[in-house]
Amino acid sequence: MASVSIAEPIASPAARVWDLIRDFGGIADWLPAAEASEADAAGVGAIRKLALAGGARADERLEAFDDAARSYTYTVIDSTLPMTGYRATIRVAEAGDQACVLHWSSTFEPVGVPDEEMIAQIRESYMGGVENLRSRLAG
């Protein structure tokens, strides 16, 4: 089983960052690797359909959502990406009045590609999201 985990500081209040990322179906609004996203419902059990850069696609299910803790967990239930068993949690933690830390972690099993290649691809996607959030919230 492979895993990716990041904990990245963002110079913006946690509540402001959470407001941007809490919409499970709206991930394409802030994650560059997602060209389009749409959820079929709201709340736990919702299915999010993603169109990803390079023509890949993924269907993800919201497994847990905690607005007070600024956290949600989701799994990939169908995808063209070379992996299985993907489960991830994203969380925004306070780090002072004007700062927070974005935690994003996942486990998965690469299929037909080296672990390192899939780990690098997932990490690059996460960091693209963090950098986009930083630039949107700067100032």
Protein backbone atom coordinates (compact mmCIF):
# COMPACT_ATOMS: atom_id res chain seq x y z
CA MET A 1 0.00 0.00 0.00
CA ALA A 2 1.35 3.41 -0.99
CA SER A 3 0.63 6.66 0.80
CA VAL A 4 0.97 10.41 0.41
CA SER A 5 0.75 12.94 3.21
CA ILE A 6 1.28 16.69 3.13
CA ALA A 7 0.97 19.36 5.82
CA GLU A 8 1.34 22.73 4.12
CA PRO A 9 1.06 26.16 5.75
CA ILE A 10 -1.20 28.74 4.13
CA ALA A 11 -1.08 32.39 5.18
CA SER A 12 -4.82 32.77 5.55
CA PRO A 13 -7.34 32.03 8.33
CA ALA A 14 -8.48 28.40 8.50
CA ALA A 15 -12.13 29.43 8.12
CA ARG A 16 -11.37 31.24 4.85
CA VAL A 17 -9.48 28.26 3.39
CA TRP A 18 -12.21 25.86 4.54
CA ASP A 19 -14.84 28.04 2.84
CA LEU A 20 -13.03 27.45 -0.47
CA ILE A 21 -12.53 23.68 -0.15
CA ARG A 22 -15.49 22.42 1.89
CA ASP A 23 -17.78 22.01 -1.16
CA PHE A 24 -17.13 18.37 -2.10
CA GLY A 25 -18.52 18.85 -5.60
CA GLY A 26 -16.60 22.08 -6.20
CA ILE A 27 -13.04 20.74 -6.09
CA ALA A 28 -12.41 21.85 -9.70
CA ASP A 29 -12.76 25.44 -8.45
CA TRP A 30 -9.42 25.20 -6.63
CA LEU A 31 -7.57 22.01 -7.70
CA PRO A 32 -5.78 22.52 -11.03
CA ALA A 33 -5.63 18.76 -11.78
CA ALA A 34 -9.45 18.68 -11.83
CA GLU A 35 -10.78 20.19 -15.03
CA ALA A 36 -14.42 19.70 -14.01
CA SER A 37 -16.27 18.31 -11.00
CA GLU A 38 -19.85 17.71 -10.04
CA ALA A 39 -21.50 16.01 -7.07
CA ASP A 40 -24.83 14.20 -7.36
CA ALA A 41 -25.96 15.24 -3.87
CA ALA A 42 -24.80 16.94 -0.67
CA GLY A 43 -23.52 15.20 2.43
CA VAL A 44 -22.03 11.82 3.24
CA GLY A 45 -22.65 9.34 0.45
CA ALA A 46 -22.51 11.96 -2.31
CA ILE A 47 -20.74 10.89 -5.49
CA ARG A 48 -18.36 13.37 -7.11
CA LYS A 49 -17.49 12.92 -10.79
CA LEU A 50 -14.15 14.39 -11.81
CA ALA A 51 -12.73 15.09 -15.23
CA LEU A 52 -8.97 15.19 -14.73
CA ALA A 53 -6.12 16.70 -16.70
CA GLY A 54 -4.93 14.42 -19.48
CA GLY A 55 -8.35 12.86 -20.03
CA ALA A 56 -8.50 10.72 -16.90
CA ARG A 57 -11.65 10.52 -14.81
CA ALA A 58 -12.56 9.51 -11.28
CA ASP A 59 -15.77 8.92 -9.36
CA GLU A 60 -15.38 9.59 -5.63
CA ARG A 61 -17.69 9.04 -2.67
CA LEU A 62 -17.82 11.32 0.36
CA GLU A 63 -17.32 8.98 3.33
CA ALA A 64 -17.18 11.47 6.22
CA PHE A 65 -17.67 15.20 6.64
CA ASP A 66 -17.01 17.26 9.78
CA ASP A 67 -17.63 20.97 9.29
CA ALA A 68 -16.53 21.85 12.86
CA ALA A 69 -13.22 20.01 12.42
CA ARG A 70 -12.88 21.35 8.84
CA SER A 71 -12.32 17.86 7.48
CA TYR A 72 -13.70 15.34 5.01
CA THR A 73 -12.77 11.85 3.88
CA TYR A 74 -13.48 10.38 0.46
CA THR A 75 -12.77 7.24 -1.55
CA VAL A 76 -12.35 6.59 -5.26
CA ILE A 77 -15.04 4.14 -6.35
CA ASP A 78 -14.25 4.11 -10.08
CA SER A 79 -11.36 5.62 -12.02
CA THR A 80 -9.19 5.40 -15.10
CA LEU A 81 -6.13 6.13 -12.93
CA PRO A 82 -3.77 3.19 -12.38
CA MET A 83 -4.63 2.52 -8.74
CA THR A 84 -7.17 0.90 -6.45
CA GLY A 85 -8.28 1.39 -2.86
CA TYR A 86 -7.71 5.15 -2.80
CA ARG A 87 -8.90 6.75 0.45
CA ALA A 88 -8.04 10.33 1.40
CA THR A 89 -8.71 12.87 4.12
CA ILE A 90 -8.33 16.62 3.76
CA ARG A 91 -8.33 18.85 6.83
CA VAL A 92 -7.67 22.51 7.56
CA ALA A 93 -6.09 23.20 10.96
CA GLU A 94 -5.75 26.55 12.74
CA ALA A 95 -2.20 27.92 12.98
CA GLY A 96 -2.90 31.36 14.40
CA ASP A 97 -5.37 34.09 13.52
CA GLN A 98 -4.09 34.60 9.99
CA ALA A 99 -2.65 31.18 9.17
CA CYS A 100 -3.57 27.54 8.84
CA VAL A 101 -2.14 24.20 7.76
CA LEU A 102 -3.72 22.13 5.03
CA HIS A 103 -3.36 18.43 5.80
CA TRP A 104 -4.10 16.03 2.94
CA SER A 105 -3.29 12.35 3.17
CA SER A 106 -4.18 9.23 1.22
CA THR A 107 -3.50 5.54 0.88
CA PHE A 108 -3.87 3.56 -2.34
CA GLU A 109 -2.50 0.61 -4.28
CA PRO A 110 -0.80 1.47 -7.61
CA VAL A 111 -1.68 -0.92 -10.44
CA GLY A 112 0.71 -1.46 -13.34
CA VAL A 113 2.95 1.47 -12.44
CA PRO A 114 5.75 1.82 -9.89
CA ASP A 115 4.63 3.05 -6.46
CA GLU A 116 7.00 6.03 -6.73
CA GLU A 117 5.36 7.18 -9.98
CA MET A 118 1.84 7.18 -8.55
CA ILE A 119 3.02 8.75 -5.29
CA ALA A 120 4.70 11.56 -7.24
CA GLN A 121 1.56 12.12 -9.34
CA ILE A 122 -0.73 12.33 -6.29
CA ARG A 123 1.70 14.58 -4.39
CA GLU A 124 1.98 16.89 -7.42
CA SER A 125 -1.82 17.15 -7.57
CA TYR A 126 -2.06 17.99 -3.85
CA MET A 127 0.69 20.60 -4.09
CA GLY A 128 -0.95 22.14 -7.15
CA GLY A 129 -4.07 22.65 -5.04
CA VAL A 130 -2.09 24.17 -2.19
CA GLU A 131 -0.25 26.56 -4.49
CA ASN A 132 -3.50 27.61 -6.14
CA LEU A 133 -5.09 28.28 -2.74
CA ARG A 134 -2.06 30.30 -1.66
CA SER A 135 -2.17 32.47 -4.78
CA ARG A 136 -5.95 32.99 -4.54
CA LEU A 137 -5.73 33.98 -0.88
CA ALA A 138 -2.62 36.16 -1.07
CA GLY A 139 -2.99 39.76 -0.13
